[in-house]
C-alpha atoms as a PDB file:
ATOM      1  CA  UNK A   1      56.934  13.347  69.688  1.00  0.00           C
ATOM      2  CA  UNK A   2      55.453  10.790  67.303  1.00  0.00           C
ATOM      3  CA  UNK A   3      57.056   7.964  69.291  1.00  0.00           C
ATOM      4  CA  UNK A   4      55.707   9.338  72.568  1.00  0.00           C
ATOM      5  CA  UNK A   5      52.221   9.468  71.051  1.00  0.00           C
ATOM      6  CA  UNK A   6      52.454   5.815  70.037  1.00  0.00           C
ATOM      7  CA  UNK A   7      53.609   4.779  73.506  1.00  0.00           C
ATOM      8  CA  UNK A   8      50.746   6.691  75.130  1.00  0.00           C
ATOM      9  CA  UNK A   9      48.230   5.085  72.762  1.00  0.00           C
ATOM     10  CA  UNK A  10      49.547   1.570  73.502  1.00  0.00           C
ATOM     11  CA  UNK A  11      49.864   1.936  77.263  1.00  0.00           C
ATOM     12  CA  UNK A  12      46.840   4.203  77.842  1.00  0.00           C
ATOM     13  CA  UNK A  13      44.824   1.481  79.678  1.00  0.00           C
ATOM     14  CA  UNK A  14      47.441   1.509  82.455  1.00  0.00           C
ATOM     15  CA  UNK A  15      45.885   4.796  83.536  1.00  0.00           C
ATOM     16  CA  UNK A  16      42.859   2.827  84.712  1.00  0.00           C
ATOM     17  CA  UNK A  17      45.116   0.930  87.118  1.00  0.00           C
ATOM     18  CA  UNK A  18      46.466   4.205  88.484  1.00  0.00           C
ATOM     19  CA  UNK A  19      42.976   5.699  88.864  1.00  0.00           C
ATOM     20  CA  UNK A  20      41.813   2.594  90.729  1.00  0.00           C
ATOM     21  CA  UNK A  21      44.813   2.826  93.068  1.00  0.00           C
ATOM     22  CA  UNK A  22      44.124   6.500  93.812  1.00  0.00           C
ATOM     23  CA  UNK A  23      40.452   5.828  94.500  1.00  0.00           C
ATOM     24  CA  UNK A  24      41.353   2.937  96.777  1.00  0.00           C
ATOM     25  CA  UNK A  25      43.688   5.182  98.752  1.00  0.00           C
ATOM     26  CA  UNK A  26      41.046   7.915  99.014  1.00  0.00           C
ATOM     27  CA  UNK A  27      38.383   5.554 100.222  1.00  0.00           C
ATOM     28  CA  UNK A  28      40.667   4.426 103.018  1.00  0.00           C
ATOM     29  CA  UNK A  29      40.177   1.328 104.993  1.00  0.00           C
ATOM     30  CA  UNK A  30      36.721  -0.194 104.890  1.00  0.00           C
ATOM     31  CA  UNK A  31      35.879  -1.391 108.373  1.00  0.00           C
ATOM     32  CA  UNK A  32      33.148  -3.767 109.284  1.00  0.00           C
ATOM     33  CA  UNK A  33      30.713  -2.985 112.189  1.00  0.00           C
ATOM     34  CA  UNK A  34      31.909  -3.674 115.686  1.00  0.00           C
ATOM     35  CA  UNK A  35      31.246  -7.173 116.979  1.00  0.00           C
ATOM     36  CA  UNK A  36      28.862  -5.894 119.644  1.00  0.00           C
ATOM     37  CA  UNK A  37      27.189  -2.616 120.463  1.00  0.00           C
ATOM     38  CA  UNK A  38      29.099  -2.347 123.777  1.00  0.00           C
ATOM     39  CA  UNK A  39      31.475   0.614 124.087  1.00  0.00           C
ATOM     40  CA  UNK A  40      35.057  -0.334 123.420  1.00  0.00           C
ATOM     41  CA  UNK A  41      34.154  -3.523 121.625  1.00  0.00           C
ATOM     42  CA  UNK A  42      36.960  -4.413 119.164  1.00  0.00           C
ATOM     43  CA  UNK A  43      36.403  -3.804 115.467  1.00  0.00           C
ATOM     44  CA  UNK A  44      36.616  -6.660 113.072  1.00  0.00           C
ATOM     45  CA  UNK A  45      39.638  -6.865 110.774  1.00  0.00           C
ATOM     46  CA  UNK A  46      39.579  -4.347 107.901  1.00  0.00           C
ATOM     47  CA  UNK A  47      39.171  -5.514 104.338  1.00  0.00           C
ATOM     48  CA  UNK A  48      42.626  -6.234 102.858  1.00  0.00           C
ATOM     49  CA  UNK A  49      43.993  -3.498 100.582  1.00  0.00           C
ATOM     50  CA  UNK A  50      44.344  -5.913  97.674  1.00  0.00           C
ATOM     51  CA  UNK A  51      40.691  -6.949  97.859  1.00  0.00           C
ATOM     52  CA  UNK A  52      39.564  -3.331  98.008  1.00  0.00           C
ATOM     53  CA  UNK A  53      41.767  -2.490  95.031  1.00  0.00           C
ATOM     54  CA  UNK A  54      40.332  -5.321  92.925  1.00  0.00           C
ATOM     55  CA  UNK A  55      36.779  -4.207  93.712  1.00  0.00           C
ATOM     56  CA  UNK A  56      37.516  -0.575  92.860  1.00  0.00           C
ATOM     57  CA  UNK A  57      39.369  -1.589  89.678  1.00  0.00           C
ATOM     58  CA  UNK A  58      36.402  -3.701  88.597  1.00  0.00           C
ATOM     59  CA  UNK A  59      34.126  -0.684  89.100  1.00  0.00           C
ATOM     60  CA  UNK A  60      36.461   1.639  87.131  1.00  0.00           C
ATOM     61  CA  UNK A  61      36.702  -0.833  84.262  1.00  0.00           C
ATOM     62  CA  UNK A  62      32.924  -1.344  84.236  1.00  0.00           C
ATOM     63  CA  UNK A  63      32.259   2.416  84.042  1.00  0.00           C
ATOM     64  CA  UNK A  64      34.873   2.902  81.303  1.00  0.00           C
ATOM     65  CA  UNK A  65      33.459  -0.042  79.374  1.00  0.00           C
ATOM     66  CA  UNK A  66      29.891   1.241  79.652  1.00  0.00           C
ATOM     67  CA  UNK A  67      30.801   4.738  78.411  1.00  0.00           C
ATOM     68  CA  UNK A  68      32.875   3.245  75.578  1.00  0.00           C
ATOM     69  CA  UNK A  69      30.004   0.939  74.620  1.00  0.00           C
ATOM     70  CA  UNK A  70      27.519   3.820  74.393  1.00  0.00           C
ATOM     71  CA  UNK A  71      29.866   5.882  72.198  1.00  0.00           C
ATOM     72  CA  UNK A  72      30.766   2.847  70.074  1.00  0.00           C
ATOM     73  CA  UNK A  73      27.089   2.165  69.379  1.00  0.00           C
ATOM     74  CA  UNK A  74      26.511   5.780  68.337  1.00  0.00           C
ATOM     75  CA  UNK A  75      29.407   5.430  65.912  1.00  0.00           C
ATOM     76  CA  UNK A  76      27.952   2.196  64.547  1.00  0.00           C
ATOM     77  CA  UNK A  77      24.548   3.855  64.060  1.00  0.00           C
ATOM     78  CA  UNK A  78      26.162   6.708  62.116  1.00  0.00           C
ATOM     79  CA  UNK A  79      28.054   4.220  59.970  1.00  0.00           C
ATOM     80  CA  UNK A  80      24.882   2.270  59.228  1.00  0.00           C
ATOM     81  CA  UNK A  81      23.171   5.478  58.087  1.00  0.00           C
ATOM     82  CA  UNK A  82      25.924   6.044  55.531  1.00  0.00           C
ATOM     83  CA  UNK A  83      26.989   3.963  52.550  1.00  0.00           C
ATOM     84  CA  UNK A  84      30.568   2.975  51.869  1.00  0.00           C
ATOM     85  CA  UNK A  85      30.525   3.915  48.186  1.00  0.00           C
ATOM     86  CA  UNK A  86      27.928   5.072  45.675  1.00  0.00           C
ATOM     87  CA  UNK A  87      29.049   5.449  42.063  1.00  0.00           C
ATOM     88  CA  UNK A  88      26.537   7.185  39.813  1.00  0.00           C
ATOM     89  CA  UNK A  89      28.755   7.407  36.732  1.00  0.00           C
ATOM     90  CA  UNK A  90      31.759   5.562  35.327  1.00  0.00           C
ATOM     91  CA  UNK A  91      33.934   7.344  32.779  1.00  0.00           C
ATOM     92  CA  UNK A  92      36.730   6.464  30.398  1.00  0.00           C
ATOM     93  CA  UNK A  93      40.006   6.975  32.212  1.00  0.00           C
ATOM     94  CA  UNK A  94      41.347   8.861  29.200  1.00  0.00           C
ATOM     95  CA  UNK A  95      38.942  11.685  30.072  1.00  0.00           C
ATOM     96  CA  UNK A  96      40.825  12.351  33.281  1.00  0.00           C
ATOM     97  CA  UNK A  97      44.587  12.004  33.165  1.00  0.00           C
ATOM     98  CA  UNK A  98      44.609  14.387  36.086  1.00  0.00           C
ATOM     99  CA  UNK A  99      42.345  15.734  38.831  1.00  0.00           C
ATOM    100  CA  UNK A 100      41.955  18.641  41.218  1.00  0.00           C
ATOM    101  CA  UNK A 101      42.370  17.213  44.722  1.00  0.00           C
ATOM    102  CA  UNK A 102      40.454  19.449  47.125  1.00  0.00           C
ATOM    103  CA  UNK A 103      41.864  17.962  50.299  1.00  0.00           C
ATOM    104  CA  UNK A 104      43.887  19.430  53.168  1.00  0.00           C
ATOM    105  CA  UNK A 105      46.285  16.464  52.946  1.00  0.00           C
ATOM    106  CA  UNK A 106      46.871  16.815  49.188  1.00  0.00           C
ATOM    107  CA  UNK A 107      50.571  17.604  49.562  1.00  0.00           C
ATOM    108  CA  UNK A 108      51.213  14.513  51.706  1.00  0.00           C
ATOM    109  CA  UNK A 109      48.781  11.582  51.704  1.00  0.00           C
ATOM    110  CA  UNK A 110      47.276  12.892  48.478  1.00  0.00           C
ATOM    111  CA  UNK A 111      50.335  11.716  46.532  1.00  0.00           C
ATOM    112  CA  UNK A 112      48.751   8.272  46.417  1.00  0.00           C
ATOM    113  CA  UNK A 113      46.557   9.518  43.581  1.00  0.00           C
ATOM    114  CA  UNK A 114      49.718   9.680  41.470  1.00  0.00           C
ATOM    115  CA  UNK A 115      51.582   6.677  42.821  1.00  0.00           C
ATOM    116  CA  UNK A 116      48.686   4.248  43.304  1.00  0.00           C
ATOM    117  CA  UNK A 117      45.493   5.506  41.660  1.00  0.00           C
ATOM    118  CA  UNK A 118      46.794   5.859  38.088  1.00  0.00           C
ATOM    119  CA  UNK A 119      46.679   9.646  37.506  1.00  0.00           C
ATOM    120  CA  UNK A 120      49.524  11.377  35.667  1.00  0.00           C
ATOM    121  CA  UNK A 121      49.085  14.748  37.326  1.00  0.00           C
ATOM    122  CA  UNK A 122      47.180  16.378  40.140  1.00  0.00           C
ATOM    123  CA  UNK A 123      46.321  19.960  41.009  1.00  0.00           C
ATOM    124  CA  UNK A 124      45.880  21.196  44.549  1.00  0.00           C
ATOM    125  CA  UNK A 125      45.868  24.327  46.688  1.00  0.00           C
ATOM    126  CA  UNK A 126      49.321  25.701  47.404  1.00  0.00           C
ATOM    127  CA  UNK A 127      49.690  25.258  51.160  1.00  0.00           C
ATOM    128  CA  UNK A 128      52.525  27.831  51.116  1.00  0.00           C
ATOM    129  CA  UNK A 129      50.536  30.547  49.355  1.00  0.00           C
ATOM    130  CA  UNK A 130      46.806  30.867  50.171  1.00  0.00           C
ATOM    131  CA  UNK A 131      44.693  31.412  47.079  1.00  0.00           C
ATOM    132  CA  UNK A 132      47.309  29.922  44.737  1.00  0.00           C
ATOM    133  CA  UNK A 133      47.594  26.446  43.218  1.00  0.00           C
ATOM    134  CA  UNK A 134      50.248  23.901  42.343  1.00  0.00           C
ATOM    135  CA  UNK A 135      50.438  21.019  39.909  1.00  0.00           C
ATOM    136  CA  UNK A 136      52.105  17.731  40.805  1.00  0.00           C
ATOM    137  CA  UNK A 137      53.295  15.571  37.933  1.00  0.00           C
ATOM    138  CA  UNK A 138      54.402  11.963  37.994  1.00  0.00           C
ATOM    139  CA  UNK A 139      57.772  11.376  36.366  1.00  0.00           C
ATOM    140  CA  UNK A 140      60.116   8.428  35.774  1.00  0.00           C
ATOM    141  CA  UNK A 141      60.686   6.014  38.663  1.00  0.00           C
ATOM    142  CA  UNK A 142      57.635   7.471  40.440  1.00  0.00           C
ATOM    143  CA  UNK A 143      59.343  10.796  41.037  1.00  0.00           C
ATOM    144  CA  UNK A 144      56.970  13.719  41.559  1.00  0.00           C
ATOM    145  CA  UNK A 145      57.646  17.289  40.504  1.00  0.00           C
ATOM    146  CA  UNK A 146      55.713  20.359  41.606  1.00  0.00           C
ATOM    147  CA  UNK A 147      55.145  23.584  39.687  1.00  0.00           C
ATOM    148  CA  UNK A 148      53.077  26.662  40.546  1.00  0.00           C
ATOM    149  CA  UNK A 149      50.061  27.409  38.333  1.00  0.00           C
ATOM    150  CA  UNK A 150      47.855  30.474  38.018  1.00  0.00           C
ATOM    151  CA  UNK A 151      44.537  28.645  37.767  1.00  0.00           C
ATOM    152  CA  UNK A 152      43.061  25.166  37.753  1.00  0.00           C
ATOM    153  CA  UNK A 153      42.662  23.216  34.531  1.00  0.00           C
ATOM    154  CA  UNK A 154      41.347  19.871  35.813  1.00  0.00           C
ATOM    155  CA  UNK A 155      37.895  18.911  34.613  1.00  0.00           C
ATOM    156  CA  UNK A 156      37.156  16.731  37.629  1.00  0.00           C
ATOM    157  CA  UNK A 157      37.479  17.348  41.344  1.00  0.00           C
ATOM    158  CA  UNK A 158      38.049  14.909  44.198  1.00  0.00           C
ATOM    159  CA  UNK A 159      36.818  16.592  47.385  1.00  0.00           C
ATOM    160  CA  UNK A 160      37.260  15.368  50.931  1.00  0.00           C
ATOM    161  CA  UNK A 161      35.063  16.756  53.700  1.00  0.00           C
ATOM    162  CA  UNK A 162      35.990  16.043  57.318  1.00  0.00           C
ATOM    163  CA  UNK A 163      33.626  16.052  60.300  1.00  0.00           C
ATOM    164  CA  UNK A 164      33.630  15.095  63.980  1.00  0.00           C
ATOM    165  CA  UNK A 165      30.003  14.435  64.984  1.00  0.00           C
ATOM    166  CA  UNK A 166      30.966  12.976  68.388  1.00  0.00           C
ATOM    167  CA  UNK A 167      34.039  13.304  70.631  1.00  0.00           C
ATOM    168  CA  UNK A 168      36.744  10.927  69.433  1.00  0.00           C
ATOM    169  CA  UNK A 169      34.881  10.149  66.191  1.00  0.00           C
ATOM    170  CA  UNK A 170      36.049  11.256  62.740  1.00  0.00           C
ATOM    171  CA  UNK A 171      34.346  10.887  59.367  1.00  0.00           C
ATOM    172  CA  UNK A 172      35.596  11.615  55.870  1.00  0.00           C
ATOM    173  CA  UNK A 173      33.199  11.930  52.941  1.00  0.00           C
ATOM    174  CA  UNK A 174      34.888  11.786  49.549  1.00  0.00           C
ATOM    175  CA  UNK A 175      33.063  13.145  46.512  1.00  0.00           C
ATOM    176  CA  UNK A 176      33.937  12.985  42.814  1.00  0.00           C
ATOM    177  CA  UNK A 177      32.583  16.047  40.980  1.00  0.00           C
ATOM    178  CA  UNK A 178      32.576  17.704  37.601  1.00  0.00           C
ATOM    179  CA  UNK A 179      34.442  20.810  38.666  1.00  0.00           C
ATOM    180  CA  UNK A 180      32.582  23.457  36.677  1.00  0.00           C
ATOM    181  CA  UNK A 181      29.020  22.192  37.166  1.00  0.00           C
ATOM    182  CA  UNK A 182      29.658  20.598  40.592  1.00  0.00           C
ATOM    183  CA  UNK A 183      27.645  17.588  39.417  1.00  0.00           C
ATOM    184  CA  UNK A 184      28.360  14.671  41.729  1.00  0.00           C
ATOM    185  CA  UNK A 185      29.547  11.465  40.077  1.00  0.00           C
ATOM    186  CA  UNK A 186      30.257   9.395  43.189  1.00  0.00           C
ATOM    187  CA  UNK A 187      30.616   9.610  46.950  1.00  0.00           C
ATOM    188  CA  UNK A 188      31.811   7.455  49.806  1.00  0.00           C
ATOM    189  CA  UNK A 189      31.985   7.759  53.585  1.00  0.00           C
ATOM    190  CA  UNK A 190      34.642   6.343  55.866  1.00  0.00           C
ATOM    191  CA  UNK A 191      34.758   6.683  59.622  1.00  0.00           C
ATOM    192  CA  UNK A 192      37.273   6.189  62.421  1.00  0.00           C
ATOM    193  CA  UNK A 193      36.268   5.676  66.031  1.00  0.00           C
ATOM    194  CA  UNK A 194      39.102   6.807  68.291  1.00  0.00           C
ATOM    195  CA  UNK A 195      37.482   5.503  71.462  1.00  0.00           C
ATOM    196  CA  UNK A 196      34.909   8.208  72.069  1.00  0.00           C
ATOM    197  CA  UNK A 197      35.055   9.817  75.496  1.00  0.00           C
ATOM    198  CA  UNK A 198      37.360   7.012  76.662  1.00  0.00           C
ATOM    199  CA  UNK A 199      39.971   7.586  73.939  1.00  0.00           C
ATOM    200  CA  UNK A 200      42.573   8.874  76.423  1.00  0.00           C
ATOM    201  CA  UNK A 201      42.153   5.798  78.634  1.00  0.00           C
ATOM    202  CA  UNK A 202      41.788   3.011  76.061  1.00  0.00           C
ATOM    203  CA  UNK A 203      44.187   4.173  73.357  1.00  0.00           C
ATOM    204  CA  UNK A 204      44.442   1.895  70.320  1.00  0.00           C
ATOM    205  CA  UNK A 205      42.380  -0.774  72.098  1.00  0.00           C
ATOM    206  CA  UNK A 206      39.228   1.340  71.880  1.00  0.00           C
ATOM    207  CA  UNK A 207      39.466   2.092  68.156  1.00  0.00           C
ATOM    208  CA  UNK A 208      37.214   0.884  65.332  1.00  0.00           C
ATOM    209  CA  UNK A 209      36.434   1.901  61.770  1.00  0.00           C
ATOM    210  CA  UNK A 210      33.853   1.664  59.039  1.00  0.00           C
ATOM    211  CA  UNK A 211      34.440   0.158  56.744  1.00  0.00           C
ATOM    212  CA  UNK A 212      37.102  -2.152  58.173  1.00  0.00           C
ATOM    213  CA  UNK A 213      40.443  -1.814  56.331  1.00  0.00           C
ATOM    214  CA  UNK A 214      41.079  -4.666  53.942  1.00  0.00           C
ATOM    215  CA  UNK A 215      37.424  -5.407  53.210  1.00  0.00           C
ATOM    216  CA  UNK A 216      35.852  -5.053  49.781  1.00  0.00           C
ATOM    217  CA  UNK A 217      33.659  -2.180  50.996  1.00  0.00           C
ATOM    218  CA  UNK A 218      36.704  -0.314  52.322  1.00  0.00           C
ATOM    219  CA  UNK A 219      38.546  -0.817  49.027  1.00  0.00           C
ATOM    220  CA  UNK A 220      35.630   0.666  47.036  1.00  0.00           C
ATOM    221  CA  UNK A 221      35.574   3.749  49.272  1.00  0.00           C
ATOM    222  CA  UNK A 222      39.335   4.235  49.460  1.00  0.00           C
ATOM    223  CA  UNK A 223      39.805   3.831  45.694  1.00  0.00           C
ATOM    224  CA  UNK A 224      36.688   5.776  44.741  1.00  0.00           C
ATOM    225  CA  UNK A 225      38.429   7.788  42.002  1.00  0.00           C
ATOM    226  CA  UNK A 226      39.727   4.579  40.470  1.00  0.00           C
ATOM    227  CA  UNK A 227      36.176   3.190  40.469  1.00  0.00           C
ATOM    228  CA  UNK A 228      34.867   6.215  38.565  1.00  0.00           C
ATOM    229  CA  UNK A 229      37.650   6.623  36.026  1.00  0.00           C
ATOM    230  CA  UNK A 230      38.525   2.972  35.509  1.00  0.00           C
ATOM    231  CA  UNK A 231      42.173   3.380  36.404  1.00  0.00           C
END
């Protein structure tokens, strides 16, 4: 299924060719006016199918591009209203050997906090048992073990909030908090534009992000916990 999804994303623009062909067939032949107004006067030659198809395709592409452009600008405006990373406090990393990761992807993508971000352990909700928690610990050779725990012990929380303000647009706001007081130490916003209303027709070619992966701003947002705890 994953492979099919990738193929659809890559070849999605081909749908525009199919739509243009269907519209060309529906329109039928475009005939020019008769040479004279006399009854039975012969009609001029119809416009060739290929010419009609090119004209219709140009119209389809123009409409798709206009809709994509409007949605892309809305995404850009939302990005501009947010900041990539704001760090209000920097702490000694020894204060936080572990964290509570309040994120729906904690048991998968969240493992980067152990493998890449410098934490020795991480607590998270137990996706198998609602209302319960687990603790992941980093062992030798980057092996990770998981044990069930009755309650959280982490002093600091990394929370990820997801939103979809427009169709085909996703934003993630990451916050670093003192868990008990809920005092915010840092926050960062990252967004992904999936193509807006044209996402099913443009696939990967209509995507964009803020901040762009690989940039300094993206690195600050992605490694926000590292920025706060000096890992």
